[in-house]
PDB file of all heavy atoms in Angstrom:
ATOM      1  N   ASN A   1     122.933 153.100  40.761  1.00  0.00           N
ATOM      2  CA  ASN A   1     122.759 152.577  42.116  1.00  0.00           C
ATOM      3  C   ASN A   1     121.339 152.826  42.621  1.00  0.00           C
ATOM      4  O   ASN A   1     120.761 151.994  43.331  1.00  0.00           O
ATOM      5  CB  ASN A   1     123.789 153.191  43.070  1.00  0.00           C
ATOM      6  CG  ASN A   1     123.641 154.696  43.219  1.00  0.00           C
ATOM      7  OD1 ASN A   1     123.305 155.399  42.268  1.00  0.00           O
ATOM      8  ND2 ASN A   1     123.894 155.208  44.414  1.00  0.00           N
ATOM      9  N   ILE A   2     120.749 153.946  42.231  1.00  0.00           N
ATOM     10  CA  ILE A   2     119.373 154.239  42.631  1.00  0.00           C
ATOM     11  C   ILE A   2     118.400 153.396  41.819  1.00  0.00           C
ATOM     12  O   ILE A   2     117.392 152.913  42.349  1.00  0.00           O
ATOM     13  CB  ILE A   2     119.091 155.739  42.496  1.00  0.00           C
ATOM     14  CG1 ILE A   2     120.019 156.507  43.442  1.00  0.00           C
ATOM     15  CG2 ILE A   2     117.632 156.054  42.790  1.00  0.00           C
ATOM     16  CD1 ILE A   2     119.952 158.003  43.324  1.00  0.00           C
ATOM     17  N   ASN A   3     118.691 153.192  40.538  1.00  0.00           N
ATOM     18  CA  ASN A   3     117.874 152.270  39.749  1.00  0.00           C
ATOM     19  C   ASN A   3     117.834 150.887  40.397  1.00  0.00           C
ATOM     20  O   ASN A   3     116.781 150.251  40.477  1.00  0.00           O
ATOM     21  CB  ASN A   3     118.430 152.151  38.332  1.00  0.00           C
ATOM     22  CG  ASN A   3     117.858 153.191  37.384  1.00  0.00           C
ATOM     23  OD1 ASN A   3     117.076 154.055  37.790  1.00  0.00           O
ATOM     24  ND2 ASN A   3     118.244 153.125  36.119  1.00  0.00           N
ATOM     25  N   ASN A   4     118.991 150.419  40.862  1.00  0.00           N
ATOM     26  CA  ASN A   4     119.049 149.094  41.489  1.00  0.00           C
ATOM     27  C   ASN A   4     118.227 149.053  42.765  1.00  0.00           C
ATOM     28  O   ASN A   4     117.527 148.061  43.044  1.00  0.00           O
ATOM     29  CB  ASN A   4     120.504 148.718  41.791  1.00  0.00           C
ATOM     30  CG  ASN A   4     121.303 148.443  40.533  1.00  0.00           C
ATOM     31  OD1 ASN A   4     120.747 148.126  39.481  1.00  0.00           O
ATOM     32  ND2 ASN A   4     122.621 148.574  40.624  1.00  0.00           N
ATOM     33  N   TYR A   5     118.303 150.122  43.558  1.00  0.00           N
ATOM     34  CA  TYR A   5     117.517 150.188  44.791  1.00  0.00           C
ATOM     35  C   TYR A   5     116.019 150.167  44.485  1.00  0.00           C
ATOM     36  O   TYR A   5     115.242 149.441  45.131  1.00  0.00           O
ATOM     37  CB  TYR A   5     117.874 151.453  45.568  1.00  0.00           C
ATOM     38  CG  TYR A   5     116.978 151.704  46.758  1.00  0.00           C
ATOM     39  CD1 TYR A   5     117.117 150.959  47.927  1.00  0.00           C
ATOM     40  CD2 TYR A   5     115.985 152.679  46.703  1.00  0.00           C
ATOM     41  CE1 TYR A   5     116.284 151.181  49.017  1.00  0.00           C
ATOM     42  CE2 TYR A   5     115.149 152.912  47.782  1.00  0.00           C
ATOM     43  CZ  TYR A   5     115.302 152.162  48.938  1.00  0.00           C
ATOM     44  OH  TYR A   5     114.463 152.391  50.004  1.00  0.00           O
ATOM     45  N   LEU A   6     115.602 150.934  43.494  1.00  0.00           N
ATOM     46  CA  LEU A   6     114.190 150.980  43.136  1.00  0.00           C
ATOM     47  C   LEU A   6     113.720 149.666  42.537  1.00  0.00           C
ATOM     48  O   LEU A   6     112.572 149.243  42.756  1.00  0.00           O
ATOM     49  CB  LEU A   6     113.938 152.130  42.161  1.00  0.00           C
ATOM     50  CG  LEU A   6     114.194 153.531  42.720  1.00  0.00           C
ATOM     51  CD1 LEU A   6     114.046 154.590  41.622  1.00  0.00           C
ATOM     52  CD2 LEU A   6     113.241 153.838  43.875  1.00  0.00           C
ATOM     53  N   PHE A   7     114.602 148.996  41.795  1.00  0.00           N
ATOM     54  CA  PHE A   7     114.253 147.677  41.255  1.00  0.00           C
ATOM     55  C   PHE A   7     113.996 146.689  42.383  1.00  0.00           C
ATOM     56  O   PHE A   7     113.072 145.864  42.314  1.00  0.00           O
ATOM     57  CB  PHE A   7     115.370 147.168  40.340  1.00  0.00           C
ATOM     58  CG  PHE A   7     115.085 145.809  39.752  1.00  0.00           C
ATOM     59  CD1 PHE A   7     114.282 145.680  38.633  1.00  0.00           C
ATOM     60  CD2 PHE A   7     115.623 144.661  40.324  1.00  0.00           C
ATOM     61  CE1 PHE A   7     114.009 144.426  38.093  1.00  0.00           C
ATOM     62  CE2 PHE A   7     115.356 143.402  39.791  1.00  0.00           C
ATOM     63  CZ  PHE A   7     114.549 143.284  38.671  1.00  0.00           C
ATOM     64  N   ASN A   8     114.804 146.762  43.442  1.00  0.00           N
ATOM     65  CA  ASN A   8     114.600 145.874  44.585  1.00  0.00           C
ATOM     66  C   ASN A   8     113.282 146.155  45.291  1.00  0.00           C
ATOM     67  O   ASN A   8     112.691 145.255  45.912  1.00  0.00           O
ATOM     68  CB  ASN A   8     115.757 146.018  45.583  1.00  0.00           C
ATOM     69  CG  ASN A   8     117.050 145.435  45.058  1.00  0.00           C
ATOM     70  OD1 ASN A   8     117.042 144.543  44.207  1.00  0.00           O
ATOM     71  ND2 ASN A   8     118.176 145.945  45.524  1.00  0.00           N
ATOM     72  N   ASN A   9     112.811 147.402  45.199  1.00  0.00           N
ATOM     73  CA  ASN A   9     111.540 147.773  45.825  1.00  0.00           C
ATOM     74  C   ASN A   9     110.332 147.438  44.964  1.00  0.00           C
ATOM     75  O   ASN A   9     109.309 146.986  45.484  1.00  0.00           O
ATOM     76  CB  ASN A   9     111.521 149.283  46.123  1.00  0.00           C
ATOM     77  CG  ASN A   9     112.179 149.643  47.433  1.00  0.00           C
ATOM     78  OD1 ASN A   9     111.516 149.699  48.470  1.00  0.00           O
ATOM     79  ND2 ASN A   9     113.484 149.858  47.403  1.00  0.00           N
ATOM     80  N   PHE A  10     110.454 147.666  43.651  1.00  0.00           N
ATOM     81  CA  PHE A  10     109.270 147.590  42.796  1.00  0.00           C
ATOM     82  C   PHE A  10     109.361 146.568  41.668  1.00  0.00           C
ATOM     83  O   PHE A  10     108.371 146.324  40.983  1.00  0.00           O
ATOM     84  CB  PHE A  10     108.995 148.965  42.176  1.00  0.00           C
ATOM     85  CG  PHE A  10     108.748 150.055  43.179  1.00  0.00           C
ATOM     86  CD1 PHE A  10     109.660 151.092  43.315  1.00  0.00           C
ATOM     87  CD2 PHE A  10     107.620 150.050  43.978  1.00  0.00           C
ATOM     88  CE1 PHE A  10     109.439 152.113  44.234  1.00  0.00           C
ATOM     89  CE2 PHE A  10     107.392 151.060  44.895  1.00  0.00           C
ATOM     90  CZ  PHE A  10     108.304 152.090  45.027  1.00  0.00           C
ATOM     91  N   GLY A  11     110.525 146.011  41.428  1.00  0.00           N
ATOM     92  CA  GLY A  11     110.687 145.198  40.234  1.00  0.00           C
ATOM     93  C   GLY A  11     110.931 146.094  39.028  1.00  0.00           C
ATOM     94  O   GLY A  11     111.445 147.210  39.155  1.00  0.00           O
ATOM     95  N   GLU A  12     110.560 145.624  37.852  1.00  0.00           N
ATOM     96  CA  GLU A  12     110.853 146.369  36.630  1.00  0.00           C
ATOM     97  C   GLU A  12     110.100 147.691  36.581  1.00  0.00           C
ATOM     98  O   GLU A  12     108.966 147.804  37.045  1.00  0.00           O
ATOM     99  CB  GLU A  12     110.487 145.531  35.399  1.00  0.00           C
ATOM    100  CG  GLU A  12     111.390 144.314  35.195  1.00  0.00           C
ATOM    101  CD  GLU A  12     111.098 143.609  33.890  1.00  0.00           C
ATOM    102  OE1 GLU A  12     110.241 144.110  33.130  1.00  0.00           O
ATOM    103  OE2 GLU A  12     111.730 142.582  33.625  1.00  0.00           O
ATOM    104  N   PHE A  13     110.745 148.697  36.014  1.00  0.00           N
ATOM    105  CA  PHE A  13     110.132 150.009  35.843  1.00  0.00           C
ATOM    106  C   PHE A  13     110.773 150.702  34.651  1.00  0.00           C
ATOM    107  O   PHE A  13     111.835 150.298  34.169  1.00  0.00           O
ATOM    108  CB  PHE A  13     110.305 150.871  37.107  1.00  0.00           C
ATOM    109  CG  PHE A  13     111.747 151.113  37.498  1.00  0.00           C
ATOM    110  CD1 PHE A  13     112.462 152.168  36.953  1.00  0.00           C
ATOM    111  CD2 PHE A  13     112.387 150.268  38.399  1.00  0.00           C
ATOM    112  CE1 PHE A  13     113.780 152.389  37.296  1.00  0.00           C
ATOM    113  CE2 PHE A  13     113.705 150.477  38.751  1.00  0.00           C
ATOM    114  CZ  PHE A  13     114.406 151.541  38.203  1.00  0.00           C
ATOM    115  N   GLU A  14     110.117 151.773  34.185  1.00  0.00           N
ATOM    116  CA  GLU A  14     110.652 152.583  33.097  1.00  0.00           C
ATOM    117  C   GLU A  14     111.355 153.803  33.680  1.00  0.00           C
ATOM    118  O   GLU A  14     110.923 154.359  34.680  1.00  0.00           O
ATOM    119  CB  GLU A  14     109.524 153.040  32.171  1.00  0.00           C
ATOM    120  CG  GLU A  14     108.809 151.903  31.458  1.00  0.00           C
ATOM    121  CD  GLU A  14     107.700 152.416  30.548  1.00  0.00           C
ATOM    122  OE1 GLU A  14     107.481 153.650  30.523  1.00  0.00           O
ATOM    123  OE2 GLU A  14     107.068 151.591  29.874  1.00  0.00           O
ATOM    124  N   TYR A  15     112.448 154.218  33.049  1.00  0.00           N
ATOM    125  CA  TYR A  15     113.108 155.440  33.499  1.00  0.00           C
ATOM    126  C   TYR A  15     113.529 156.286  32.303  1.00  0.00           C
ATOM    127  O   TYR A  15     113.799 155.772  31.215  1.00  0.00           O
ATOM    128  CB  TYR A  15     114.312 155.133  34.408  1.00  0.00           C
ATOM    129  CG  TYR A  15     115.473 154.415  33.745  1.00  0.00           C
ATOM    130  CD1 TYR A  15     116.520 155.136  33.170  1.00  0.00           C
ATOM    131  CD2 TYR A  15     115.540 153.023  33.702  1.00  0.00           C
ATOM    132  CE1 TYR A  15     117.592 154.494  32.570  1.00  0.00           C
ATOM    133  CE2 TYR A  15     116.608 152.367  33.113  1.00  0.00           C
ATOM    134  CZ  TYR A  15     117.629 153.107  32.556  1.00  0.00           C
ATOM    135  OH  TYR A  15     118.689 152.471  31.960  1.00  0.00           O
ATOM    136  N   LYS A  16     113.529 157.606  32.543  1.00  0.00           N
ATOM    137  CA  LYS A  16     113.896 158.564  31.510  1.00  0.00           C
ATOM    138  C   LYS A  16     114.730 159.681  32.118  1.00  0.00           C
ATOM    139  O   LYS A  16     114.787 159.844  33.336  1.00  0.00           O
ATOM    140  CB  LYS A  16     112.645 159.167  30.854  1.00  0.00           C
ATOM    141  CG  LYS A  16     111.865 158.217  29.970  1.00  0.00           C
ATOM    142  CD  LYS A  16     110.734 158.945  29.247  1.00  0.00           C
ATOM    143  CE  LYS A  16     110.016 158.027  28.279  1.00  0.00           C
ATOM    144  NZ  LYS A  16     108.951 158.747  27.525  1.00  0.00           N
ATOM    145  N   HIS A  17     115.339 160.461  31.253  1.00  0.00           N
ATOM    146  CA  HIS A  17     116.046 161.659  31.688  1.00  0.00           C
ATOM    147  C   HIS A  17     115.060 162.820  31.737  1.00  0.00           C
ATOM    148  O   HIS A  17     114.157 162.920  30.905  1.00  0.00           O
ATOM    149  CB  HIS A  17     117.188 161.984  30.724  1.00  0.00           C
ATOM    150  CG  HIS A  17     118.124 163.029  31.230  1.00  0.00           C
ATOM    151  ND1 HIS A  17     118.020 164.356  30.868  1.00  0.00           N
ATOM    152  CD2 HIS A  17     119.167 162.963  32.100  1.00  0.00           C
ATOM    153  CE1 HIS A  17     118.975 165.048  31.468  1.00  0.00           C
ATOM    154  NE2 HIS A  17     119.679 164.232  32.233  1.00  0.00           N
ATOM    155  N   HIS A  18     115.238 163.715  32.708  1.00  0.00           N
ATOM    156  CA  HIS A  18     114.278 164.805  32.875  1.00  0.00           C
ATOM    157  C   HIS A  18     114.216 165.713  31.655  1.00  0.00           C
ATOM    158  O   HIS A  18     113.167 166.270  31.331  1.00  0.00           O
ATOM    159  CB  HIS A  18     114.623 165.632  34.128  1.00  0.00           C
ATOM    160  CG  HIS A  18     115.695 166.658  33.932  1.00  0.00           C
ATOM    161  ND1 HIS A  18     117.040 166.340  33.829  1.00  0.00           N
ATOM    162  CD2 HIS A  18     115.629 168.012  33.802  1.00  0.00           C
ATOM    163  CE1 HIS A  18     117.736 167.441  33.653  1.00  0.00           C
ATOM    164  NE2 HIS A  18     116.912 168.467  33.640  1.00  0.00           N
ATOM    165  N   ASN A  19     115.340 165.847  30.965  1.00  0.00           N
ATOM    166  CA  ASN A  19     115.362 166.747  29.821  1.00  0.00           C
ATOM    167  C   ASN A  19     114.487 166.235  28.676  1.00  0.00           C
ATOM    168  O   ASN A  19     113.933 167.020  27.911  1.00  0.00           O
ATOM    169  CB  ASN A  19     116.798 166.952  29.343  1.00  0.00           C
ATOM    170  CG  ASN A  19     116.979 168.243  28.597  1.00  0.00           C
ATOM    171  OD1 ASN A  19     116.625 169.303  29.086  1.00  0.00           O
ATOM    172  ND2 ASN A  19     117.520 168.153  27.388  1.00  0.00           N
ATOM    173  N   THR A  20     114.358 164.921  28.583  1.00  0.00           N
ATOM    174  CA  THR A  20     113.475 164.333  27.576  1.00  0.00           C
ATOM    175  C   THR A  20     112.040 164.787  27.802  1.00  0.00           C
ATOM    176  O   THR A  20     111.344 165.196  26.864  1.00  0.00           O
ATOM    177  CB  THR A  20     113.554 162.796  27.648  1.00  0.00           C
ATOM    178  OG1 THR A  20     114.899 162.378  27.416  1.00  0.00           O
ATOM    179  CG2 THR A  20     112.636 162.150  26.617  1.00  0.00           C
ATOM    180  N   LEU A  21     111.605 164.727  29.058  1.00  0.00           N
ATOM    181  CA  LEU A  21     110.239 165.129  29.380  1.00  0.00           C
ATOM    182  C   LEU A  21     110.034 166.621  29.170  1.00  0.00           C
ATOM    183  O   LEU A  21     108.993 167.052  28.659  1.00  0.00           O
ATOM    184  CB  LEU A  21     109.913 164.742  30.818  1.00  0.00           C
ATOM    185  CG  LEU A  21     109.957 163.239  31.123  1.00  0.00           C
ATOM    186  CD1 LEU A  21     109.689 162.982  32.600  1.00  0.00           C
ATOM    187  CD2 LEU A  21     108.944 162.493  30.278  1.00  0.00           C
ATOM    188  N   LEU A  22     111.025 167.425  29.563  1.00  0.00           N
ATOM    189  CA  LEU A  22     110.905 168.870  29.372  1.00  0.00           C
ATOM    190  C   LEU A  22     110.761 169.220  27.890  1.00  0.00           C
ATOM    191  O   LEU A  22     109.887 170.005  27.507  1.00  0.00           O
ATOM    192  CB  LEU A  22     112.115 169.586  29.962  1.00  0.00           C
ATOM    193  CG  LEU A  22     112.147 169.790  31.473  1.00  0.00           C
ATOM    194  CD1 LEU A  22     113.447 170.473  31.883  1.00  0.00           C
ATOM    195  CD2 LEU A  22     110.957 170.626  31.945  1.00  0.00           C
ATOM    196  N   ILE A  23     111.619 168.662  27.062  1.00  0.00           N
ATOM    197  CA  ILE A  23     111.575 168.973  25.631  1.00  0.00           C
ATOM    198  C   ILE A  23     110.231 168.565  25.039  1.00  0.00           C
ATOM    199  O   ILE A  23     109.603 169.327  24.289  1.00  0.00           O
ATOM    200  CB  ILE A  23     112.737 168.287  24.886  1.00  0.00           C
ATOM    201  CG1 ILE A  23     114.068 168.922  25.297  1.00  0.00           C
ATOM    202  CG2 ILE A  23     112.543 168.375  23.374  1.00  0.00           C
ATOM    203  CD1 ILE A  23     115.280 168.190  24.779  1.00  0.00           C
ATOM    204  N   ASP A  24     109.757 167.376  25.388  1.00  0.00           N
ATOM    205  CA  ASP A  24     108.472 166.912  24.851  1.00  0.00           C
ATOM    206  C   ASP A  24     107.326 167.805  25.313  1.00  0.00           C
ATOM    207  O   ASP A  24     106.449 168.171  24.519  1.00  0.00           O
ATOM    208  CB  ASP A  24     108.218 165.459  25.271  1.00  0.00           C
ATOM    209  CG  ASP A  24     109.057 164.472  24.478  1.00  0.00           C
ATOM    210  OD1 ASP A  24     109.605 164.859  23.429  1.00  0.00           O
ATOM    211  OD2 ASP A  24     109.178 163.308  24.912  1.00  0.00           O
ATOM    212  N   LYS A  25     107.322 168.175  26.597  1.00  0.00           N
ATOM    213  CA  LYS A  25     106.234 169.008  27.120  1.00  0.00           C
ATOM    214  C   LYS A  25     106.283 170.417  26.539  1.00  0.00           C
ATOM    215  O   LYS A  25     105.236 170.987  26.175  1.00  0.00           O
ATOM    216  CB  LYS A  25     106.292 169.044  28.649  1.00  0.00           C
ATOM    217  CG  LYS A  25     105.909 167.722  29.302  1.00  0.00           C
ATOM    218  CD  LYS A  25     105.893 167.817  30.830  1.00  0.00           C
ATOM    219  CE  LYS A  25     105.436 166.500  31.431  1.00  0.00           C
ATOM    220  NZ  LYS A  25     105.276 166.577  32.902  1.00  0.00           N
ATOM    221  N   PHE A  26     107.475 170.979  26.472  1.00  0.00           N
ATOM    222  CA  PHE A  26     107.596 172.328  25.901  1.00  0.00           C
ATOM    223  C   PHE A  26     107.206 172.333  24.425  1.00  0.00           C
ATOM    224  O   PHE A  26     106.565 173.273  23.935  1.00  0.00           O
ATOM    225  CB  PHE A  26     109.019 172.856  26.068  1.00  0.00           C
ATOM    226  CG  PHE A  26     109.416 173.142  27.492  1.00  0.00           C
ATOM    227  CD1 PHE A  26     110.752 173.134  27.871  1.00  0.00           C
ATOM    228  CD2 PHE A  26     108.468 173.418  28.460  1.00  0.00           C
ATOM    229  CE1 PHE A  26     111.132 173.415  29.177  1.00  0.00           C
ATOM    230  CE2 PHE A  26     108.832 173.686  29.772  1.00  0.00           C
ATOM    231  CZ  PHE A  26     110.174 173.689  30.129  1.00  0.00           C
ATOM    232  N   THR A  27     107.584 171.293  23.698  1.00  0.00           N
ATOM    233  CA  THR A  27     107.251 171.198  22.279  1.00  0.00           C
ATOM    234  C   THR A  27     105.739 171.129  22.083  1.00  0.00           C
ATOM    235  O   THR A  27     105.176 171.779  21.187  1.00  0.00           O
ATOM    236  CB  THR A  27     107.922 169.964  21.640  1.00  0.00           C
ATOM    237  OG1 THR A  27     109.341 170.059  21.791  1.00  0.00           O
ATOM    238  CG2 THR A  27     107.586 169.860  20.160  1.00  0.00           C
ATOM    239  N   GLN A  28     105.070 170.360  22.924  1.00  0.00           N
ATOM    240  CA  GLN A  28     103.613 170.247  22.825  1.00  0.00           C
ATOM    241  C   GLN A  28     102.917 171.578  23.086  1.00  0.00           C
ATOM    242  O   GLN A  28     101.899 171.905  22.466  1.00  0.00           O
ATOM    243  CB  GLN A  28     103.107 169.207  23.832  1.00  0.00           C
ATOM    244  CG  GLN A  28     103.495 167.774  23.493  1.00  0.00           C
ATOM    245  CD  GLN A  28     103.171 166.807  24.626  1.00  0.00           C
ATOM    246  OE1 GLN A  28     102.397 167.120  25.535  1.00  0.00           O
ATOM    247  NE2 GLN A  28     103.764 165.624  24.584  1.00  0.00           N
ATOM    248  N   LYS A  29     103.462 172.367  24.011  1.00  0.00           N
ATOM    249  CA  LYS A  29     102.813 173.614  24.413  1.00  0.00           C
ATOM    250  C   LYS A  29     103.214 174.810  23.558  1.00  0.00           C
ATOM    251  O   LYS A  29     102.552 175.844  23.599  1.00  0.00           O
ATOM    252  CB  LYS A  29     103.122 173.899  25.891  1.00  0.00           C
ATOM    253  CG  LYS A  29     102.422 172.945  26.850  1.00  0.00           C
ATOM    254  CD  LYS A  29     102.695 173.305  28.297  1.00  0.00           C
ATOM    255  CE  LYS A  29     101.902 172.415  29.258  1.00  0.00           C
ATOM    256  NZ  LYS A  29     100.446 172.689  29.187  1.00  0.00           N
TER     257      LYS A  29
END
């Protein structure tokens, strides 16, 4: 429902799960 709201505001966008970013950042560091 929030994706739909943001799509109405901005059009297409990319979305990810926060855990994906955490794992990638922690792995890099």
